[in-house]
């Protein structure tokens, strides 16, 4: 399954926007911080679901999938 690098880039930009929101909450242009949080969560959920659906037939996929997620944290 092909990785959608555009979504990864958008997710990175949104994360940067949320970070800037927290650093400069008094500025007028950063009032979209919560929108960025929601967009980040939606994109992350989409990307993780796409990976899971693409490999659902693999043996022990979910065990390996969750083990990788735990190691990332």
PDB file of N, CA and C in Angstrom:
ATOM      1  N   UNK A   1       0.838  -1.182   0.000  1.00  0.00           N
ATOM      2  CA  UNK A   1       0.000   0.000   0.000  1.00  0.00           C
ATOM      3  C   UNK A   1       0.884   1.247   0.000  1.00  0.00           C
ATOM      4  N   UNK A   2       0.566   2.191  -0.843  1.00  0.00           N
ATOM      5  CA  UNK A   2       1.374   3.401  -1.001  1.00  0.00           C
ATOM      6  C   UNK A   2       1.149   4.361   0.156  1.00  0.00           C
ATOM      7  N   UNK A   3       2.240   4.930   0.632  1.00  0.00           N
ATOM      8  CA  UNK A   3       2.160   5.917   1.709  1.00  0.00           C
ATOM      9  C   UNK A   3       1.791   7.266   1.102  1.00  0.00           C
ATOM     10  N   UNK A   4       0.879   7.966   1.727  1.00  0.00           N
ATOM     11  CA  UNK A   4       0.422   9.262   1.231  1.00  0.00           C
ATOM     12  C   UNK A   4       1.269  10.336   1.921  1.00  0.00           C
ATOM     13  N   UNK A   5       2.337  10.740   1.250  1.00  0.00           N
ATOM     14  CA  UNK A   5       3.262  11.694   1.856  1.00  0.00           C
ATOM     15  C   UNK A   5       2.625  13.073   2.027  1.00  0.00           C
ATOM     16  N   UNK A   6       1.634  13.388   1.218  1.00  0.00           N
ATOM     17  CA  UNK A   6       0.957  14.673   1.356  1.00  0.00           C
ATOM     18  C   UNK A   6       0.219  14.762   2.692  1.00  0.00           C
ATOM     19  N   UNK A   7      -0.397  13.647   3.111  1.00  0.00           N
ATOM     20  CA  UNK A   7      -1.084  13.634   4.399  1.00  0.00           C
ATOM     21  C   UNK A   7      -0.083  13.742   5.545  1.00  0.00           C
ATOM     22  N   UNK A   8       1.067  13.085   5.394  1.00  0.00           N
ATOM     23  CA  UNK A   8       2.096  13.192   6.430  1.00  0.00           C
ATOM     24  C   UNK A   8       2.591  14.630   6.544  1.00  0.00           C
ATOM     25  N   UNK A   9       2.771  15.282   5.409  1.00  0.00           N
ATOM     26  CA  UNK A   9       3.221  16.674   5.413  1.00  0.00           C
ATOM     27  C   UNK A   9       2.157  17.581   6.029  1.00  0.00           C
ATOM     28  N   UNK A  10       0.908  17.357   5.680  1.00  0.00           N
ATOM     29  CA  UNK A  10      -0.182  18.164   6.252  1.00  0.00           C
ATOM     30  C   UNK A  10      -0.275  17.950   7.750  1.00  0.00           C
ATOM     31  N   UNK A  11      -0.110  16.714   8.188  1.00  0.00           N
ATOM     32  CA  UNK A  11      -0.142  16.414   9.615  1.00  0.00           C
ATOM     33  C   UNK A  11       1.005  17.120  10.339  1.00  0.00           C
ATOM     34  N   UNK A  12       2.172  17.171   9.712  1.00  0.00           N
ATOM     35  CA  UNK A  12       3.301  17.883  10.291  1.00  0.00           C
ATOM     36  C   UNK A  12       3.052  19.382  10.386  1.00  0.00           C
ATOM     37  N   UNK A  13       2.456  19.957   9.350  1.00  0.00           N
ATOM     38  CA  UNK A  13       2.135  21.387   9.379  1.00  0.00           C
ATOM     39  C   UNK A  13       1.097  21.711  10.443  1.00  0.00           C
ATOM     40  N   UNK A  14       0.118  20.840  10.576  1.00  0.00           N
ATOM     41  CA  UNK A  14      -0.908  21.045  11.595  1.00  0.00           C
ATOM     42  C   UNK A  14      -0.292  20.946  12.989  1.00  0.00           C
ATOM     43  N   UNK A  15       0.602  19.983  13.196  1.00  0.00           N
ATOM     44  CA  UNK A  15       1.270  19.853  14.495  1.00  0.00           C
ATOM     45  C   UNK A  15       2.106  21.096  14.792  1.00  0.00           C
ATOM     46  N   UNK A  16       2.763  21.629  13.785  1.00  0.00           N
ATOM     47  CA  UNK A  16       3.522  22.867  13.964  1.00  0.00           C
ATOM     48  C   UNK A  16       2.597  24.031  14.313  1.00  0.00           C
ATOM     49  N   UNK A  17       1.437  24.092  13.674  1.00  0.00           N
ATOM     50  CA  UNK A  17       0.464  25.134  13.985  1.00  0.00           C
ATOM     51  C   UNK A  17      -0.039  25.051  15.416  1.00  0.00           C
ATOM     52  N   UNK A  18      -0.272  23.833  15.897  1.00  0.00           N
ATOM     53  CA  UNK A  18      -0.715  23.646  17.286  1.00  0.00           C
ATOM     54  C   UNK A  18       0.399  24.071  18.239  1.00  0.00           C
ATOM     55  N   UNK A  19       1.627  23.734  17.910  1.00  0.00           N
ATOM     56  CA  UNK A  19       2.757  24.145  18.742  1.00  0.00           C
ATOM     57  C   UNK A  19       2.859  25.667  18.795  1.00  0.00           C
ATOM     58  N   UNK A  20       2.726  26.321  17.662  1.00  0.00           N
ATOM     59  CA  UNK A  20       2.766  27.783  17.631  1.00  0.00           C
ATOM     60  C   UNK A  20       1.604  28.384  18.408  1.00  0.00           C
ATOM     61  N   UNK A  21       0.455  27.748  18.356  1.00  0.00           N
ATOM     62  CA  UNK A  21      -0.693  28.205  19.138  1.00  0.00           C
ATOM     63  C   UNK A  21      -0.364  28.216  20.624  1.00  0.00           C
ATOM     64  N   UNK A  22       0.294  27.161  21.081  1.00  0.00           N
ATOM     65  CA  UNK A  22       0.621  27.077  22.498  1.00  0.00           C
ATOM     66  C   UNK A  22       1.737  28.042  22.889  1.00  0.00           C
ATOM     67  N   UNK A  23       2.627  28.311  21.971  1.00  0.00           N
ATOM     68  CA  UNK A  23       3.716  29.234  22.279  1.00  0.00           C
ATOM     69  C   UNK A  23       3.286  30.691  22.224  1.00  0.00           C
ATOM     70  N   UNK A  24       2.362  31.012  21.332  1.00  0.00           N
ATOM     71  CA  UNK A  24       1.935  32.390  21.122  1.00  0.00           C
ATOM     72  C   UNK A  24       0.420  32.501  21.143  1.00  0.00           C
ATOM     73  N   UNK A  25      -0.204  32.109  22.218  1.00  0.00           N
ATOM     74  CA  UNK A  25      -1.666  32.093  22.298  1.00  0.00           C
ATOM     75  C   UNK A  25      -2.263  33.495  22.252  1.00  0.00           C
ATOM     76  N   UNK A  26      -1.458  34.535  22.487  1.00  0.00           N
ATOM     77  CA  UNK A  26      -1.991  35.889  22.499  1.00  0.00           C
ATOM     78  C   UNK A  26      -2.088  36.510  21.110  1.00  0.00           C
ATOM     79  N   UNK A  27      -1.471  35.924  20.116  1.00  0.00           N
ATOM     80  CA  UNK A  27      -1.505  36.457  18.752  1.00  0.00           C
ATOM     81  C   UNK A  27      -2.853  36.152  18.094  1.00  0.00           C
ATOM     82  N   UNK A  28      -3.305  37.017  17.206  1.00  0.00           N
ATOM     83  CA  UNK A  28      -4.609  36.857  16.576  1.00  0.00           C
ATOM     84  C   UNK A  28      -4.690  35.724  15.575  1.00  0.00           C
ATOM     85  N   UNK A  29      -3.603  35.421  14.882  1.00  0.00           N
ATOM     86  CA  UNK A  29      -3.652  34.421  13.815  1.00  0.00           C
ATOM     87  C   UNK A  29      -3.568  33.000  14.337  1.00  0.00           C
ATOM     88  N   UNK A  30      -3.340  32.813  15.624  1.00  0.00           N
ATOM     89  CA  UNK A  30      -3.204  31.459  16.159  1.00  0.00           C
ATOM     90  C   UNK A  30      -4.498  30.937  16.773  1.00  0.00           C
ATOM     91  N   UNK A  31      -5.609  31.602  16.512  1.00  0.00           N
ATOM     92  CA  UNK A  31      -6.860  31.159  17.135  1.00  0.00           C
ATOM     93  C   UNK A  31      -7.422  29.881  16.517  1.00  0.00           C
ATOM     94  N   UNK A  32      -6.731  29.309  15.558  1.00  0.00           N
ATOM     95  CA  UNK A  32      -7.169  28.052  14.947  1.00  0.00           C
ATOM     96  C   UNK A  32      -6.484  26.841  15.583  1.00  0.00           C
ATOM     97  N   UNK A  33      -5.973  26.989  16.776  1.00  0.00           N
ATOM     98  CA  UNK A  33      -5.245  25.902  17.434  1.00  0.00           C
ATOM     99  C   UNK A  33      -6.084  24.659  17.650  1.00  0.00           C
ATOM    100  N   UNK A  34      -7.315  24.817  18.113  1.00  0.00           N
ATOM    101  CA  UNK A  34      -8.167  23.643  18.335  1.00  0.00           C
ATOM    102  C   UNK A  34      -8.574  22.986  17.024  1.00  0.00           C
ATOM    103  N   UNK A  35      -8.743  23.764  15.992  1.00  0.00           N
ATOM    104  CA  UNK A  35      -9.024  23.189  14.679  1.00  0.00           C
ATOM    105  C   UNK A  35      -7.843  22.337  14.230  1.00  0.00           C
ATOM    106  N   UNK A  36      -6.644  22.807  14.523  1.00  0.00           N
ATOM    107  CA  UNK A  36      -5.450  22.034  14.193  1.00  0.00           C
ATOM    108  C   UNK A  36      -5.393  20.723  14.946  1.00  0.00           C
ATOM    109  N   UNK A  37      -5.777  20.742  16.215  1.00  0.00           N
ATOM    110  CA  UNK A  37      -5.803  19.511  17.012  1.00  0.00           C
ATOM    111  C   UNK A  37      -6.782  18.516  16.397  1.00  0.00           C
ATOM    112  N   UNK A  38      -7.953  18.984  16.049  1.00  0.00           N
ATOM    113  CA  UNK A  38      -8.961  18.095  15.453  1.00  0.00           C
ATOM    114  C   UNK A  38      -8.492  17.543  14.112  1.00  0.00           C
ATOM    115  N   UNK A  39      -7.914  18.403  13.280  1.00  0.00           N
ATOM    116  CA  UNK A  39      -7.421  17.951  11.980  1.00  0.00           C
ATOM    117  C   UNK A  39      -6.290  16.943  12.151  1.00  0.00           C
ATOM    118  N   UNK A  40      -5.401  17.185  13.099  1.00  0.00           N
ATOM    119  CA  UNK A  40      -4.306  16.246  13.366  1.00  0.00           C
ATOM    120  C   UNK A  40      -4.854  14.876  13.760  1.00  0.00           C
ATOM    121  N   UNK A  41      -5.843  14.844  14.646  1.00  0.00           N
ATOM    122  CA  UNK A  41      -6.415  13.579  15.090  1.00  0.00           C
ATOM    123  C   UNK A  41      -7.142  12.855  13.960  1.00  0.00           C
ATOM    124  N   UNK A  42      -7.850  13.590  13.124  1.00  0.00           N
ATOM    125  CA  UNK A  42      -8.553  12.972  12.002  1.00  0.00           C
ATOM    126  C   UNK A  42      -7.554  12.381  11.013  1.00  0.00           C
ATOM    127  N   UNK A  43      -6.509  13.135  10.673  1.00  0.00           N
ATOM    128  CA  UNK A  43      -5.500  12.628   9.736  1.00  0.00           C
ATOM    129  C   UNK A  43      -4.763  11.420  10.315  1.00  0.00           C
ATOM    130  N   UNK A  44      -4.421  11.470  11.592  1.00  0.00           N
ATOM    131  CA  UNK A  44      -3.742  10.341  12.214  1.00  0.00           C
ATOM    132  C   UNK A  44      -4.629   9.101  12.211  1.00  0.00           C
ATOM    133  N   UNK A  45      -5.894   9.271  12.538  1.00  0.00           N
ATOM    134  CA  UNK A  45      -6.827   8.152  12.510  1.00  0.00           C
ATOM    135  C   UNK A  45      -6.981   7.568  11.119  1.00  0.00           C
ATOM    136  N   UNK A  46      -7.042   8.431  10.116  1.00  0.00           N
ATOM    137  CA  UNK A  46      -7.152   7.961   8.734  1.00  0.00           C
ATOM    138  C   UNK A  46      -5.921   7.157   8.335  1.00  0.00           C
ATOM    139  N   UNK A  47      -4.743   7.681   8.648  1.00  0.00           N
ATOM    140  CA  UNK A  47      -3.511   6.993   8.253  1.00  0.00           C
ATOM    141  C   UNK A  47      -3.349   5.666   8.977  1.00  0.00           C
ATOM    142  N   UNK A  48      -3.664   5.612  10.261  1.00  0.00           N
ATOM    143  CA  UNK A  48      -3.548   4.364  11.004  1.00  0.00           C
ATOM    144  C   UNK A  48      -4.579   3.343  10.515  1.00  0.00           C
ATOM    145  N   UNK A  49      -5.790   3.790  10.232  1.00  0.00           N
ATOM    146  CA  UNK A  49      -6.822   2.883   9.716  1.00  0.00           C
ATOM    147  C   UNK A  49      -6.441   2.342   8.349  1.00  0.00           C
ATOM    148  N   UNK A  50      -5.863   3.180   7.515  1.00  0.00           N
ATOM    149  CA  UNK A  50      -5.422   2.737   6.183  1.00  0.00           C
ATOM    150  C   UNK A  50      -4.362   1.648   6.302  1.00  0.00           C
ATOM    151  N   UNK A  51      -3.427   1.820   7.229  1.00  0.00           N
ATOM    152  CA  UNK A  51      -2.401   0.799   7.446  1.00  0.00           C
ATOM    153  C   UNK A  51      -3.043  -0.495   7.940  1.00  0.00           C
ATOM    154  N   UNK A  52      -3.954  -0.387   8.903  1.00  0.00           N
ATOM    155  CA  UNK A  52      -4.585  -1.575   9.483  1.00  0.00           C
ATOM    156  C   UNK A  52      -5.414  -2.333   8.450  1.00  0.00           C
ATOM    157  N   UNK A  53      -6.162  -1.629   7.624  1.00  0.00           N
ATOM    158  CA  UNK A  53      -6.994  -2.295   6.612  1.00  0.00           C
ATOM    159  C   UNK A  53      -6.134  -2.967   5.559  1.00  0.00           C
ATOM    160  N   UNK A  54      -5.015  -2.356   5.223  1.00  0.00           N
ATOM    161  CA  UNK A  54      -4.137  -2.925   4.203  1.00  0.00           C
ATOM    162  C   UNK A  54      -3.442  -4.205   4.634  1.00  0.00           C
ATOM    163  N   UNK A  55      -3.293  -4.426   5.928  1.00  0.00           N
ATOM    164  CA  UNK A  55      -2.559  -5.584   6.412  1.00  0.00           C
ATOM    165  C   UNK A  55      -3.395  -6.501   7.302  1.00  0.00           C
ATOM    166  N   UNK A  56      -4.678  -6.385   7.249  1.00  0.00           N
ATOM    167  CA  UNK A  56      -5.539  -7.141   8.161  1.00  0.00           C
ATOM    168  C   UNK A  56      -5.432  -8.649   7.945  1.00  0.00           C
ATOM    169  N   UNK A  57      -5.057  -9.087   6.755  1.00  0.00           N
ATOM    170  CA  UNK A  57      -4.965 -10.521   6.483  1.00  0.00           C
ATOM    171  C   UNK A  57      -3.649 -11.134   6.946  1.00  0.00           C
ATOM    172  N   UNK A  58      -2.682 -10.321   7.324  1.00  0.00           N
ATOM    173  CA  UNK A  58      -1.385 -10.829   7.767  1.00  0.00           C
ATOM    174  C   UNK A  58      -1.525 -11.500   9.135  1.00  0.00           C
ATOM    175  N   UNK A  59      -0.844 -12.618   9.322  1.00  0.00           N
ATOM    176  CA  UNK A  59      -0.924 -13.282  10.633  1.00  0.00           C
ATOM    177  C   UNK A  59      -0.215 -12.445  11.699  1.00  0.00           C
ATOM    178  N   UNK A  60      -0.815 -12.366  12.855  1.00  0.00           N
ATOM    179  CA  UNK A  60      -0.273 -11.614  13.995  1.00  0.00           C
ATOM    180  C   UNK A  60      -0.087 -10.137  13.697  1.00  0.00           C
ATOM    181  N   UNK A  61      -0.834  -9.609  12.751  1.00  0.00           N
ATOM    182  CA  UNK A  61      -0.658  -8.200  12.390  1.00  0.00           C
ATOM    183  C   UNK A  61      -0.989  -7.272  13.551  1.00  0.00           C
ATOM    184  N   UNK A  62      -2.128  -7.487  14.176  1.00  0.00           N
ATOM    185  CA  UNK A  62      -2.550  -6.558  15.223  1.00  0.00           C
ATOM    186  C   UNK A  62      -1.611  -6.598  16.422  1.00  0.00           C
ATOM    187  N   UNK A  63      -1.093  -7.757  16.751  1.00  0.00           N
ATOM    188  CA  UNK A  63      -0.120  -7.844  17.844  1.00  0.00           C
ATOM    189  C   UNK A  63       1.129  -7.030  17.507  1.00  0.00           C
ATOM    190  N   UNK A  64       1.651  -7.200  16.297  1.00  0.00           N
ATOM    191  CA  UNK A  64       2.838  -6.446  15.873  1.00  0.00           C
ATOM    192  C   UNK A  64       2.527  -4.959  15.731  1.00  0.00           C
ATOM    193  N   UNK A  65       1.337  -4.650  15.243  1.00  0.00           N
ATOM    194  CA  UNK A  65       0.925  -3.256  15.061  1.00  0.00           C
ATOM    195  C   UNK A  65       0.909  -2.517  16.389  1.00  0.00           C
ATOM    196  N   UNK A  66       0.256  -3.100  17.394  1.00  0.00           N
ATOM    197  CA  UNK A  66       0.170  -2.448  18.700  1.00  0.00           C
ATOM    198  C   UNK A  66       1.523  -2.456  19.413  1.00  0.00           C
ATOM    199  N   UNK A  67       2.342  -3.469  19.192  1.00  0.00           N
ATOM    200  CA  UNK A  67       3.672  -3.478  19.790  1.00  0.00           C
ATOM    201  C   UNK A  67       4.511  -2.326  19.238  1.00  0.00           C
ATOM    202  N   UNK A  68       4.415  -2.078  17.924  1.00  0.00           N
ATOM    203  CA  UNK A  68       5.143  -0.936  17.335  1.00  0.00           C
ATOM    204  C   UNK A  68       4.643   0.373  17.893  1.00  0.00           C
ATOM    205  N   UNK A  69       3.342   0.505  18.079  1.00  0.00           N
ATOM    206  CA  UNK A  69       2.776   1.743  18.630  1.00  0.00           C
ATOM    207  C   UNK A  69       3.256   1.982  20.054  1.00  0.00           C
ATOM    208  N   UNK A  70       3.292   0.915  20.860  1.00  0.00           N
ATOM    209  CA  UNK A  70       3.754   1.051  22.244  1.00  0.00           C
ATOM    210  C   UNK A  70       5.228   1.449  22.263  1.00  0.00           C
ATOM    211  N   UNK A  71       6.028   0.853  21.398  1.00  0.00           N
ATOM    212  CA  UNK A  71       7.449   1.209  21.346  1.00  0.00           C
ATOM    213  C   UNK A  71       7.668   2.639  20.882  1.00  0.00           C
ATOM    214  N   UNK A  72       6.804   3.147  20.031  1.00  0.00           N
ATOM    215  CA  UNK A  72       6.918   4.538  19.601  1.00  0.00           C
ATOM    216  C   UNK A  72       6.660   5.511  20.736  1.00  0.00           C
ATOM    217  N   UNK A  73       5.747   5.136  21.601  1.00  0.00           N
ATOM    218  CA  UNK A  73       5.389   6.020  22.725  1.00  0.00           C
ATOM    219  C   UNK A  73       6.501   5.975  23.740  1.00  0.00           C
TER     220      UNK A  73
END
